[in-house]
mmCIF file of all heavy atoms, coordinates in Angstrom:
data_MODEL
# 
_entry.id   MODEL 
# 
loop_
_atom_site.group_PDB 
_atom_site.id 
_atom_site.type_symbol 
_atom_site.label_atom_id 
_atom_site.label_alt_id 
_atom_site.label_comp_id 
_atom_site.label_asym_id 
_atom_site.label_entity_id 
_atom_site.label_seq_id 
_atom_site.pdbx_PDB_ins_code 
_atom_site.Cartn_x 
_atom_site.Cartn_y 
_atom_site.Cartn_z 
_atom_site.occupancy 
_atom_site.B_iso_or_equiv 
_atom_site.pdbx_formal_charge 
_atom_site.auth_seq_id 
_atom_site.auth_comp_id 
_atom_site.auth_asym_id 
_atom_site.auth_atom_id 
_atom_site.pdbx_PDB_model_num 
ATOM 1   N N   . GLN A 1 1  ? 27.502 -98.629  109.362 1.00 0.00 ? 1  GLN A N   1 
ATOM 2   C CA  . GLN A 1 1  ? 28.051 -99.153  108.118 1.00 0.00 ? 1  GLN A CA  1 
ATOM 3   C C   . GLN A 1 1  ? 29.304 -99.961  108.479 1.00 0.00 ? 1  GLN A C   1 
ATOM 4   O O   . GLN A 1 1  ? 30.260 -99.413  109.022 1.00 0.00 ? 1  GLN A O   1 
ATOM 5   C CB  . GLN A 1 1  ? 28.402 -98.009  107.160 1.00 0.00 ? 1  GLN A CB  1 
ATOM 6   C CG  . GLN A 1 1  ? 27.217 -97.409  106.454 1.00 0.00 ? 1  GLN A CG  1 
ATOM 7   C CD  . GLN A 1 1  ? 27.615 -96.492  105.309 1.00 0.00 ? 1  GLN A CD  1 
ATOM 8   O OE1 . GLN A 1 1  ? 28.795 -96.336  105.023 1.00 0.00 ? 1  GLN A OE1 1 
ATOM 9   N NE2 . GLN A 1 1  ? 26.634 -95.896  104.662 1.00 0.00 ? 1  GLN A NE2 1 
ATOM 10  N N   . HIS A 1 2  ? 29.264 -101.251 108.166 1.00 0.00 ? 2  HIS A N   1 
ATOM 11  C CA  . HIS A 1 2  ? 30.297 -102.180 108.619 1.00 0.00 ? 2  HIS A CA  1 
ATOM 12  C C   . HIS A 1 2  ? 31.304 -102.429 107.500 1.00 0.00 ? 2  HIS A C   1 
ATOM 13  O O   . HIS A 1 2  ? 30.932 -102.863 106.409 1.00 0.00 ? 2  HIS A O   1 
ATOM 14  C CB  . HIS A 1 2  ? 29.644 -103.496 109.055 1.00 0.00 ? 2  HIS A CB  1 
ATOM 15  C CG  . HIS A 1 2  ? 30.592 -104.461 109.675 1.00 0.00 ? 2  HIS A CG  1 
ATOM 16  N ND1 . HIS A 1 2  ? 30.268 -105.780 109.953 1.00 0.00 ? 2  HIS A ND1 1 
ATOM 17  C CD2 . HIS A 1 2  ? 31.874 -104.319 110.097 1.00 0.00 ? 2  HIS A CD2 1 
ATOM 18  C CE1 . HIS A 1 2  ? 31.293 -106.378 110.490 1.00 0.00 ? 2  HIS A CE1 1 
ATOM 19  N NE2 . HIS A 1 2  ? 32.277 -105.520 110.583 1.00 0.00 ? 2  HIS A NE2 1 
ATOM 20  N N   . PHE A 1 3  ? 32.582 -102.170 107.786 1.00 0.00 ? 3  PHE A N   1 
ATOM 21  C CA  . PHE A 1 3  ? 33.664 -102.424 106.840 1.00 0.00 ? 3  PHE A CA  1 
ATOM 22  C C   . PHE A 1 3  ? 34.651 -103.402 107.483 1.00 0.00 ? 3  PHE A C   1 
ATOM 23  O O   . PHE A 1 3  ? 35.121 -103.173 108.603 1.00 0.00 ? 3  PHE A O   1 
ATOM 24  C CB  . PHE A 1 3  ? 34.395 -101.128 106.470 1.00 0.00 ? 3  PHE A CB  1 
ATOM 25  C CG  . PHE A 1 3  ? 33.554 -100.156 105.694 1.00 0.00 ? 3  PHE A CG  1 
ATOM 26  C CD1 . PHE A 1 3  ? 32.923 -99.103  106.334 1.00 0.00 ? 3  PHE A CD1 1 
ATOM 27  C CD2 . PHE A 1 3  ? 33.387 -100.309 104.332 1.00 0.00 ? 3  PHE A CD2 1 
ATOM 28  C CE1 . PHE A 1 3  ? 32.145 -98.211  105.623 1.00 0.00 ? 3  PHE A CE1 1 
ATOM 29  C CE2 . PHE A 1 3  ? 32.605 -99.421  103.602 1.00 0.00 ? 3  PHE A CE2 1 
ATOM 30  C CZ  . PHE A 1 3  ? 31.982 -98.376  104.254 1.00 0.00 ? 3  PHE A CZ  1 
ATOM 31  N N   . VAL A 1 4  ? 34.926 -104.483 106.771 1.00 0.00 ? 4  VAL A N   1 
ATOM 32  C CA  . VAL A 1 4  ? 35.852 -105.516 107.253 1.00 0.00 ? 4  VAL A CA  1 
ATOM 33  C C   . VAL A 1 4  ? 37.210 -105.286 106.591 1.00 0.00 ? 4  VAL A C   1 
ATOM 34  O O   . VAL A 1 4  ? 37.328 -105.335 105.370 1.00 0.00 ? 4  VAL A O   1 
ATOM 35  C CB  . VAL A 1 4  ? 35.325 -106.930 106.930 1.00 0.00 ? 4  VAL A CB  1 
ATOM 36  C CG1 . VAL A 1 4  ? 36.301 -107.981 107.440 1.00 0.00 ? 4  VAL A CG1 1 
ATOM 37  C CG2 . VAL A 1 4  ? 33.945 -107.131 107.546 1.00 0.00 ? 4  VAL A CG2 1 
ATOM 38  N N   . PHE A 1 5  ? 38.230 -105.055 107.410 1.00 0.00 ? 5  PHE A N   1 
ATOM 39  C CA  . PHE A 1 5  ? 39.580 -104.824 106.918 1.00 0.00 ? 5  PHE A CA  1 
ATOM 40  C C   . PHE A 1 5  ? 40.289 -106.165 106.737 1.00 0.00 ? 5  PHE A C   1 
ATOM 41  O O   . PHE A 1 5  ? 40.212 -107.039 107.608 1.00 0.00 ? 5  PHE A O   1 
ATOM 42  C CB  . PHE A 1 5  ? 40.366 -103.941 107.892 1.00 0.00 ? 5  PHE A CB  1 
ATOM 43  C CG  . PHE A 1 5  ? 39.977 -102.490 107.856 1.00 0.00 ? 5  PHE A CG  1 
ATOM 44  C CD1 . PHE A 1 5  ? 38.678 -102.093 108.138 1.00 0.00 ? 5  PHE A CD1 1 
ATOM 45  C CD2 . PHE A 1 5  ? 40.902 -101.520 107.536 1.00 0.00 ? 5  PHE A CD2 1 
ATOM 46  C CE1 . PHE A 1 5  ? 38.300 -100.765 108.099 1.00 0.00 ? 5  PHE A CE1 1 
ATOM 47  C CE2 . PHE A 1 5  ? 40.553 -100.183 107.488 1.00 0.00 ? 5  PHE A CE2 1 
ATOM 48  C CZ  . PHE A 1 5  ? 39.246 -99.799  107.774 1.00 0.00 ? 5  PHE A CZ  1 
ATOM 49  N N   . ARG A 1 6  ? 40.999 -106.304 105.636 1.00 0.00 ? 6  ARG A N   1 
ATOM 50  C CA  . ARG A 1 6  ? 41.613 -107.583 105.288 1.00 0.00 ? 6  ARG A CA  1 
ATOM 51  C C   . ARG A 1 6  ? 43.071 -107.641 105.726 1.00 0.00 ? 6  ARG A C   1 
ATOM 52  O O   . ARG A 1 6  ? 43.728 -106.612 105.921 1.00 0.00 ? 6  ARG A O   1 
ATOM 53  C CB  . ARG A 1 6  ? 41.552 -107.791 103.775 1.00 0.00 ? 6  ARG A CB  1 
ATOM 54  C CG  . ARG A 1 6  ? 40.147 -107.775 103.194 1.00 0.00 ? 6  ARG A CG  1 
ATOM 55  C CD  . ARG A 1 6  ? 40.194 -107.716 101.685 1.00 0.00 ? 6  ARG A CD  1 
ATOM 56  N NE  . ARG A 1 6  ? 38.857 -107.662 101.088 1.00 0.00 ? 6  ARG A NE  1 
ATOM 57  C CZ  . ARG A 1 6  ? 38.624 -107.363 99.825  1.00 0.00 ? 6  ARG A CZ  1 
ATOM 58  N NH1 . ARG A 1 6  ? 39.636 -107.086 99.012  1.00 0.00 ? 6  ARG A NH1 1 
ATOM 59  N NH2 . ARG A 1 6  ? 37.392 -107.342 99.361  1.00 0.00 ? 6  ARG A NH2 1 
ATOM 60  N N   . HIS A 1 7  ? 43.553 -108.885 105.860 1.00 0.00 ? 7  HIS A N   1 
ATOM 61  C CA  . HIS A 1 7  ? 44.992 -109.098 105.995 1.00 0.00 ? 7  HIS A CA  1 
ATOM 62  C C   . HIS A 1 7  ? 45.688 -108.647 104.711 1.00 0.00 ? 7  HIS A C   1 
ATOM 63  O O   . HIS A 1 7  ? 45.161 -108.824 103.619 1.00 0.00 ? 7  HIS A O   1 
ATOM 64  C CB  . HIS A 1 7  ? 45.305 -110.578 106.223 1.00 0.00 ? 7  HIS A CB  1 
ATOM 65  C CG  . HIS A 1 7  ? 45.053 -111.027 107.626 1.00 0.00 ? 7  HIS A CG  1 
ATOM 66  N ND1 . HIS A 1 7  ? 46.001 -110.938 108.612 1.00 0.00 ? 7  HIS A ND1 1 
ATOM 67  C CD2 . HIS A 1 7  ? 43.960 -111.574 108.207 1.00 0.00 ? 7  HIS A CD2 1 
ATOM 68  C CE1 . HIS A 1 7  ? 45.511 -111.405 109.745 1.00 0.00 ? 7  HIS A CE1 1 
ATOM 69  N NE2 . HIS A 1 7  ? 44.274 -111.796 109.527 1.00 0.00 ? 7  HIS A NE2 1 
ATOM 70  N N   . LEU A 1 8  ? 46.885 -108.110 104.860 1.00 0.00 ? 8  LEU A N   1 
ATOM 71  C CA  . LEU A 1 8  ? 47.668 -107.762 103.686 1.00 0.00 ? 8  LEU A CA  1 
ATOM 72  C C   . LEU A 1 8  ? 48.465 -108.970 103.225 1.00 0.00 ? 8  LEU A C   1 
ATOM 73  O O   . LEU A 1 8  ? 49.026 -109.705 104.051 1.00 0.00 ? 8  LEU A O   1 
ATOM 74  C CB  . LEU A 1 8  ? 48.619 -106.601 103.999 1.00 0.00 ? 8  LEU A CB  1 
ATOM 75  C CG  . LEU A 1 8  ? 48.084 -105.213 103.600 1.00 0.00 ? 8  LEU A CG  1 
ATOM 76  C CD1 . LEU A 1 8  ? 47.003 -104.778 104.579 1.00 0.00 ? 8  LEU A CD1 1 
ATOM 77  C CD2 . LEU A 1 8  ? 49.193 -104.189 103.557 1.00 0.00 ? 8  LEU A CD2 1 
ATOM 78  N N   . GLY A 1 9  ? 48.508 -109.186 101.929 1.00 0.00 ? 9  GLY A N   1 
ATOM 79  C CA  . GLY A 1 9  ? 49.295 -110.274 101.387 1.00 0.00 ? 9  GLY A CA  1 
ATOM 80  C C   . GLY A 1 9  ? 50.786 -110.001 101.511 1.00 0.00 ? 9  GLY A C   1 
ATOM 81  O O   . GLY A 1 9  ? 51.234 -108.856 101.708 1.00 0.00 ? 9  GLY A O   1 
ATOM 82  N N   . GLU A 1 10 ? 51.549 -111.065 101.386 1.00 0.00 ? 10 GLU A N   1 
ATOM 83  C CA  . GLU A 1 10 ? 52.997 -110.932 101.522 1.00 0.00 ? 10 GLU A CA  1 
ATOM 84  C C   . GLU A 1 10 ? 53.582 -110.032 100.445 1.00 0.00 ? 10 GLU A C   1 
ATOM 85  O O   . GLU A 1 10 ? 54.463 -109.198 100.728 1.00 0.00 ? 10 GLU A O   1 
ATOM 86  C CB  . GLU A 1 10 ? 53.638 -112.326 101.461 1.00 0.00 ? 10 GLU A CB  1 
ATOM 87  C CG  . GLU A 1 10 ? 55.124 -112.339 101.727 1.00 0.00 ? 10 GLU A CG  1 
ATOM 88  C CD  . GLU A 1 10 ? 55.694 -113.743 101.743 1.00 0.00 ? 10 GLU A CD  1 
ATOM 89  O OE1 . GLU A 1 10 ? 55.029 -114.632 102.319 1.00 0.00 ? 10 GLU A OE1 1 
ATOM 90  O OE2 . GLU A 1 10 ? 56.783 -113.957 101.176 1.00 0.00 ? 10 GLU A OE2 1 
ATOM 91  N N   . ASP A 1 11 ? 53.099 -110.147 99.222  1.00 0.00 ? 11 ASP A N   1 
ATOM 92  C CA  . ASP A 1 11 ? 53.630 -109.312 98.147  1.00 0.00 ? 11 ASP A CA  1 
ATOM 93  C C   . ASP A 1 11 ? 53.329 -107.833 98.373  1.00 0.00 ? 11 ASP A C   1 
ATOM 94  O O   . ASP A 1 11 ? 54.172 -106.968 98.099  1.00 0.00 ? 11 ASP A O   1 
ATOM 95  C CB  . ASP A 1 11 ? 53.050 -109.763 96.803  1.00 0.00 ? 11 ASP A CB  1 
ATOM 96  C CG  . ASP A 1 11 ? 53.516 -111.156 96.403  1.00 0.00 ? 11 ASP A CG  1 
ATOM 97  O OD1 . ASP A 1 11 ? 54.601 -111.554 96.867  1.00 0.00 ? 11 ASP A OD1 1 
ATOM 98  O OD2 . ASP A 1 11 ? 52.797 -111.833 95.641  1.00 0.00 ? 11 ASP A OD2 1 
ATOM 99  N N   . ALA A 1 12 ? 52.133 -107.530 98.885  1.00 0.00 ? 12 ALA A N   1 
ATOM 100 C CA  . ALA A 1 12 ? 51.792 -106.130 99.155  1.00 0.00 ? 12 ALA A CA  1 
ATOM 101 C C   . ALA A 1 12 ? 52.674 -105.551 100.255 1.00 0.00 ? 12 ALA A C   1 
ATOM 102 O O   . ALA A 1 12 ? 53.118 -104.392 100.175 1.00 0.00 ? 12 ALA A O   1 
ATOM 103 C CB  . ALA A 1 12 ? 50.316 -106.024 99.537  1.00 0.00 ? 12 ALA A CB  1 
ATOM 104 N N   . LEU A 1 13 ? 52.953 -106.349 101.286 1.00 0.00 ? 13 LEU A N   1 
ATOM 105 C CA  . LEU A 1 13 ? 53.837 -105.875 102.357 1.00 0.00 ? 13 LEU A CA  1 
ATOM 106 C C   . LEU A 1 13 ? 55.255 -105.686 101.853 1.00 0.00 ? 13 LEU A C   1 
ATOM 107 O O   . LEU A 1 13 ? 55.941 -104.732 102.238 1.00 0.00 ? 13 LEU A O   1 
ATOM 108 C CB  . LEU A 1 13 ? 53.807 -106.864 103.525 1.00 0.00 ? 13 LEU A CB  1 
ATOM 109 C CG  . LEU A 1 13 ? 52.619 -106.769 104.483 1.00 0.00 ? 13 LEU A CG  1 
ATOM 110 C CD1 . LEU A 1 13 ? 52.716 -107.844 105.544 1.00 0.00 ? 13 LEU A CD1 1 
ATOM 111 C CD2 . LEU A 1 13 ? 52.558 -105.396 105.128 1.00 0.00 ? 13 LEU A CD2 1 
ATOM 112 N N   . VAL A 1 14 ? 55.732 -106.607 101.004 1.00 0.00 ? 14 VAL A N   1 
ATOM 113 C CA  . VAL A 1 14 ? 57.081 -106.475 100.448 1.00 0.00 ? 14 VAL A CA  1 
ATOM 114 C C   . VAL A 1 14 ? 57.185 -105.183 99.640  1.00 0.00 ? 14 VAL A C   1 
ATOM 115 O O   . VAL A 1 14 ? 58.174 -104.438 99.757  1.00 0.00 ? 14 VAL A O   1 
ATOM 116 C CB  . VAL A 1 14 ? 57.419 -107.702 99.580  1.00 0.00 ? 14 VAL A CB  1 
ATOM 117 C CG1 . VAL A 1 14 ? 58.672 -107.455 98.762  1.00 0.00 ? 14 VAL A CG1 1 
ATOM 118 C CG2 . VAL A 1 14 ? 57.609 -108.926 100.457 1.00 0.00 ? 14 VAL A CG2 1 
ATOM 119 N N   . GLN A 1 15 ? 56.179 -104.888 98.843  1.00 0.00 ? 15 GLN A N   1 
ATOM 120 C CA  . GLN A 1 15 ? 56.208 -103.662 98.043  1.00 0.00 ? 15 GLN A CA  1 
ATOM 121 C C   . GLN A 1 15 ? 56.199 -102.418 98.938  1.00 0.00 ? 15 GLN A C   1 
ATOM 122 O O   . GLN A 1 15 ? 56.939 -101.449 98.693  1.00 0.00 ? 15 GLN A O   1 
ATOM 123 C CB  . GLN A 1 15 ? 55.002 -103.646 97.101  1.00 0.00 ? 15 GLN A CB  1 
ATOM 124 C CG  . GLN A 1 15 ? 54.964 -102.435 96.175  1.00 0.00 ? 15 GLN A CG  1 
ATOM 125 C CD  . GLN A 1 15 ? 53.759 -102.472 95.255  1.00 0.00 ? 15 GLN A CD  1 
ATOM 126 O OE1 . GLN A 1 15 ? 52.943 -103.396 95.314  1.00 0.00 ? 15 GLN A OE1 1 
ATOM 127 N NE2 . GLN A 1 15 ? 53.628 -101.470 94.406  1.00 0.00 ? 15 GLN A NE2 1 
ATOM 128 N N   . HIS A 1 16 ? 55.386 -102.444 99.984  1.00 0.00 ? 16 HIS A N   1 
ATOM 129 C CA  . HIS A 1 16 ? 55.317 -101.294 100.887 1.00 0.00 ? 16 HIS A CA  1 
ATOM 130 C C   . HIS A 1 16 ? 56.639 -101.091 101.629 1.00 0.00 ? 16 HIS A C   1 
ATOM 131 O O   . HIS A 1 16 ? 57.137 -99.950  101.717 1.00 0.00 ? 16 HIS A O   1 
ATOM 132 C CB  . HIS A 1 16 ? 54.178 -101.503 101.883 1.00 0.00 ? 16 HIS A CB  1 
ATOM 133 C CG  . HIS A 1 16 ? 54.023 -100.399 102.882 1.00 0.00 ? 16 HIS A CG  1 
ATOM 134 N ND1 . HIS A 1 16 ? 53.693 -99.113  102.536 1.00 0.00 ? 16 HIS A ND1 1 
ATOM 135 C CD2 . HIS A 1 16 ? 54.190 -100.393 104.235 1.00 0.00 ? 16 HIS A CD2 1 
ATOM 136 C CE1 . HIS A 1 16 ? 53.637 -98.353  103.614 1.00 0.00 ? 16 HIS A CE1 1 
ATOM 137 N NE2 . HIS A 1 16 ? 53.932 -99.105  104.658 1.00 0.00 ? 16 HIS A NE2 1 
ATOM 138 N N   . LEU A 1 17 ? 57.218 -102.147 102.146 1.00 0.00 ? 17 LEU A N   1 
ATOM 139 C CA  . LEU A 1 17 ? 58.493 -102.030 102.868 1.00 0.00 ? 17 LEU A CA  1 
ATOM 140 C C   . LEU A 1 17 ? 59.616 -101.578 101.939 1.00 0.00 ? 17 LEU A C   1 
ATOM 141 O O   . LEU A 1 17 ? 60.500 -100.802 102.342 1.00 0.00 ? 17 LEU A O   1 
ATOM 142 C CB  . LEU A 1 17 ? 58.847 -103.362 103.524 1.00 0.00 ? 17 LEU A CB  1 
ATOM 143 C CG  . LEU A 1 17 ? 57.920 -103.830 104.659 1.00 0.00 ? 17 LEU A CG  1 
ATOM 144 C CD1 . LEU A 1 17 ? 58.325 -105.213 105.135 1.00 0.00 ? 17 LEU A CD1 1 
ATOM 145 C CD2 . LEU A 1 17 ? 57.947 -102.846 105.816 1.00 0.00 ? 17 LEU A CD2 1 
ATOM 146 N N   . SER A 1 18 ? 59.593 -102.059 100.725 1.00 0.00 ? 18 SER A N   1 
ATOM 147 C CA  . SER A 1 18 ? 60.622 -101.642 99.765  1.00 0.00 ? 18 SER A CA  1 
ATOM 148 C C   . SER A 1 18 ? 60.530 -100.143 99.477  1.00 0.00 ? 18 SER A C   1 
ATOM 149 O O   . SER A 1 18 ? 61.561 -99.450  99.385  1.00 0.00 ? 18 SER A O   1 
ATOM 150 C CB  . SER A 1 18 ? 60.481 -102.443 98.472  1.00 0.00 ? 18 SER A CB  1 
ATOM 151 O OG  . SER A 1 18 ? 60.620 -103.834 98.707  1.00 0.00 ? 18 SER A OG  1 
ATOM 152 N N   . GLN A 1 19 ? 59.313 -99.630  99.357  1.00 0.00 ? 19 GLN A N   1 
ATOM 153 C CA  . GLN A 1 19 ? 59.157 -98.191  99.136  1.00 0.00 ? 19 GLN A CA  1 
ATOM 154 C C   . GLN A 1 19 ? 59.666 -97.388  100.324 1.00 0.00 ? 19 GLN A C   1 
ATOM 155 O O   . GLN A 1 19 ? 60.329 -96.344  100.151 1.00 0.00 ? 19 GLN A O   1 
ATOM 156 C CB  . GLN A 1 19 ? 57.684 -97.874  98.870  1.00 0.00 ? 19 GLN A CB  1 
ATOM 157 C CG  . GLN A 1 19 ? 57.147 -98.430  97.554  1.00 0.00 ? 19 GLN A CG  1 
ATOM 158 C CD  . GLN A 1 19 ? 55.662 -98.174  97.380  1.00 0.00 ? 19 GLN A CD  1 
ATOM 159 O OE1 . GLN A 1 19 ? 55.005 -97.625  98.275  1.00 0.00 ? 19 GLN A OE1 1 
ATOM 160 N NE2 . GLN A 1 19 ? 55.123 -98.565  96.230  1.00 0.00 ? 19 GLN A NE2 1 
ATOM 161 N N   . VAL A 1 20 ? 59.388 -97.858  101.534 1.00 0.00 ? 20 VAL A N   1 
ATOM 162 C CA  . VAL A 1 20 ? 59.872 -97.151  102.720 1.00 0.00 ? 20 VAL A CA  1 
ATOM 163 C C   . VAL A 1 20 ? 61.392 -97.171  102.782 1.00 0.00 ? 20 VAL A C   1 
ATOM 164 O O   . VAL A 1 20 ? 62.039 -96.142  103.082 1.00 0.00 ? 20 VAL A O   1 
ATOM 165 C CB  . VAL A 1 20 ? 59.262 -97.777  103.989 1.00 0.00 ? 20 VAL A CB  1 
ATOM 166 C CG1 . VAL A 1 20 ? 59.916 -97.221  105.252 1.00 0.00 ? 20 VAL A CG1 1 
ATOM 167 C CG2 . VAL A 1 20 ? 57.759 -97.539  104.027 1.00 0.00 ? 20 VAL A CG2 1 
ATOM 168 N N   . LEU A 1 21 ? 62.019 -98.303  102.480 1.00 0.00 ? 21 LEU A N   1 
ATOM 169 C CA  . LEU A 1 21 ? 63.478 -98.385  102.516 1.00 0.00 ? 21 LEU A CA  1 
ATOM 170 C C   . LEU A 1 21 ? 64.111 -97.507  101.440 1.00 0.00 ? 21 LEU A C   1 
ATOM 171 O O   . LEU A 1 21 ? 65.165 -96.904  101.663 1.00 0.00 ? 21 LEU A O   1 
ATOM 172 C CB  . LEU A 1 21 ? 63.900 -99.842  102.335 1.00 0.00 ? 21 LEU A CB  1 
ATOM 173 C CG  . LEU A 1 21 ? 63.629 -100.762 103.535 1.00 0.00 ? 21 LEU A CG  1 
ATOM 174 C CD1 . LEU A 1 21 ? 63.849 -102.215 103.147 1.00 0.00 ? 21 LEU A CD1 1 
ATOM 175 C CD2 . LEU A 1 21 ? 64.511 -100.391 104.711 1.00 0.00 ? 21 LEU A CD2 1 
ATOM 176 N N   . ASN A 1 22 ? 63.478 -97.429  100.293 1.00 0.00 ? 22 ASN A N   1 
ATOM 177 C CA  . ASN A 1 22 ? 64.003 -96.547  99.250  1.00 0.00 ? 22 ASN A CA  1 
ATOM 178 C C   . ASN A 1 22 ? 63.921 -95.085  99.678  1.00 0.00 ? 22 ASN A C   1 
ATOM 179 O O   . ASN A 1 22 ? 64.843 -94.295  99.413  1.00 0.00 ? 22 ASN A O   1 
ATOM 180 C CB  . ASN A 1 22 ? 63.236 -96.764  97.949  1.00 0.00 ? 22 ASN A CB  1 
ATOM 181 C CG  . ASN A 1 22 ? 63.571 -98.094  97.291  1.00 0.00 ? 22 ASN A CG  1 
ATOM 182 O OD1 . ASN A 1 22 ? 64.698 -98.578  97.401  1.00 0.00 ? 22 ASN A OD1 1 
ATOM 183 N ND2 . ASN A 1 22 ? 62.605 -98.693  96.616  1.00 0.00 ? 22 ASN A ND2 1 
ATOM 184 N N   . LYS A 1 23 ? 62.819 -94.715  100.330 1.00 0.00 ? 23 LYS A N   1 
ATOM 185 C CA  . LYS A 1 23 ? 62.704 -93.342  100.812 1.00 0.00 ? 23 LYS A CA  1 
ATOM 186 C C   . LYS A 1 23 ? 63.701 -93.050  101.938 1.00 0.00 ? 23 LYS A C   1 
ATOM 187 O O   . LYS A 1 23 ? 64.155 -91.908  102.093 1.00 0.00 ? 23 LYS A O   1 
ATOM 188 C CB  . LYS A 1 23 ? 61.279 -93.077  101.296 1.00 0.00 ? 23 LYS A CB  1 
ATOM 189 C CG  . LYS A 1 23 ? 60.241 -93.112  100.176 1.00 0.00 ? 23 LYS A CG  1 
ATOM 190 C CD  . LYS A 1 23 ? 58.841 -92.931  100.724 1.00 0.00 ? 23 LYS A CD  1 
ATOM 191 C CE  . LYS A 1 23 ? 57.798 -93.007  99.602  1.00 0.00 ? 23 LYS A CE  1 
ATOM 192 N NZ  . LYS A 1 23 ? 56.409 -92.886  100.139 1.00 0.00 ? 23 LYS A NZ  1 
ATOM 193 N N   . GLU A 1 24 ? 64.042 -94.073  102.721 1.00 0.00 ? 24 GLU A N   1 
ATOM 194 C CA  . GLU A 1 24 ? 65.015 -93.908  103.799 1.00 0.00 ? 24 GLU A CA  1 
ATOM 195 C C   . GLU A 1 24 ? 66.448 -94.053  103.310 1.00 0.00 ? 24 GLU A C   1 
ATOM 196 O O   . GLU A 1 24 ? 67.384 -93.906  104.103 1.00 0.00 ? 24 GLU A O   1 
ATOM 197 C CB  . GLU A 1 24 ? 64.748 -94.941  104.905 1.00 0.00 ? 24 GLU A CB  1 
ATOM 198 C CG  . GLU A 1 24 ? 63.457 -94.729  105.670 1.00 0.00 ? 24 GLU A CG  1 
ATOM 199 C CD  . GLU A 1 24 ? 63.557 -93.582  106.662 1.00 0.00 ? 24 GLU A CD  1 
ATOM 200 O OE1 . GLU A 1 24 ? 64.672 -93.321  107.162 1.00 0.00 ? 24 GLU A OE1 1 
ATOM 201 O OE2 . GLU A 1 24 ? 62.524 -92.939  106.919 1.00 0.00 ? 24 GLU A OE2 1 
ATOM 202 N N   . ASN A 1 25 ? 66.626 -94.354  102.015 1.00 0.00 ? 25 ASN A N   1 
ATOM 203 C CA  . ASN A 1 25 ? 67.958 -94.543  101.422 1.00 0.00 ? 25 ASN A CA  1 
ATOM 204 C C   . ASN A 1 25 ? 68.753 -95.646  102.138 1.00 0.00 ? 25 ASN A C   1 
ATOM 205 O O   . ASN A 1 25 ? 69.934 -95.493  102.455 1.00 0.00 ? 25 ASN A O   1 
ATOM 206 C CB  . ASN A 1 25 ? 68.754 -93.227  101.456 1.00 0.00 ? 25 ASN A CB  1 
ATOM 207 C CG  . ASN A 1 25 ? 68.124 -92.153  100.596 1.00 0.00 ? 25 ASN A CG  1 
ATOM 208 O OD1 . ASN A 1 25 ? 67.615 -92.436  99.507  1.00 0.00 ? 25 ASN A OD1 1 
ATOM 209 N ND2 . ASN A 1 25 ? 68.141 -90.918  101.084 1.00 0.00 ? 25 ASN A ND2 1 
ATOM 210 N N   . VAL A 1 26 ? 68.094 -96.755  102.381 1.00 0.00 ? 26 VAL A N   1 
ATOM 211 C CA  . VAL A 1 26 ? 68.719 -97.905  103.048 1.00 0.00 ? 26 VAL A CA  1 
ATOM 212 C C   . VAL A 1 26 ? 68.837 -99.035  102.032 1.00 0.00 ? 26 VAL A C   1 
ATOM 213 O O   . VAL A 1 26 ? 67.814 -99.482  101.481 1.00 0.00 ? 26 VAL A O   1 
ATOM 214 C CB  . VAL A 1 26 ? 67.889 -98.372  104.262 1.00 0.00 ? 26 VAL A CB  1 
ATOM 215 C CG1 . VAL A 1 26 ? 68.509 -99.619  104.886 1.00 0.00 ? 26 VAL A CG1 1 
ATOM 216 C CG2 . VAL A 1 26 ? 67.786 -97.256  105.294 1.00 0.00 ? 26 VAL A CG2 1 
ATOM 217 N N   . PRO A 1 27 ? 70.043 -99.523  101.739 1.00 0.00 ? 27 PRO A N   1 
ATOM 218 C CA  . PRO A 1 27 ? 70.177 -100.680 100.842 1.00 0.00 ? 27 PRO A CA  1 
ATOM 219 C C   . PRO A 1 27 ? 69.635 -101.936 101.513 1.00 0.00 ? 27 PRO A C   1 
ATOM 220 O O   . PRO A 1 27 ? 69.780 -102.123 102.729 1.00 0.00 ? 27 PRO A O   1 
ATOM 221 C CB  . PRO A 1 27 ? 71.684 -100.769 100.597 1.00 0.00 ? 27 PRO A CB  1 
ATOM 222 C CG  . PRO A 1 27 ? 72.308 -100.073 101.744 1.00 0.00 ? 27 PRO A CG  1 
ATOM 223 C CD  . PRO A 1 27 ? 71.354 -99.004  102.189 1.00 0.00 ? 27 PRO A CD  1 
# 
């Protein structure tokens, strides 16, 4: 069963990084 993984868009990466920084308490 073949699954093709996609590139992440810039907005999705920005949202993910922002969540990580908030959890790390980094302004």
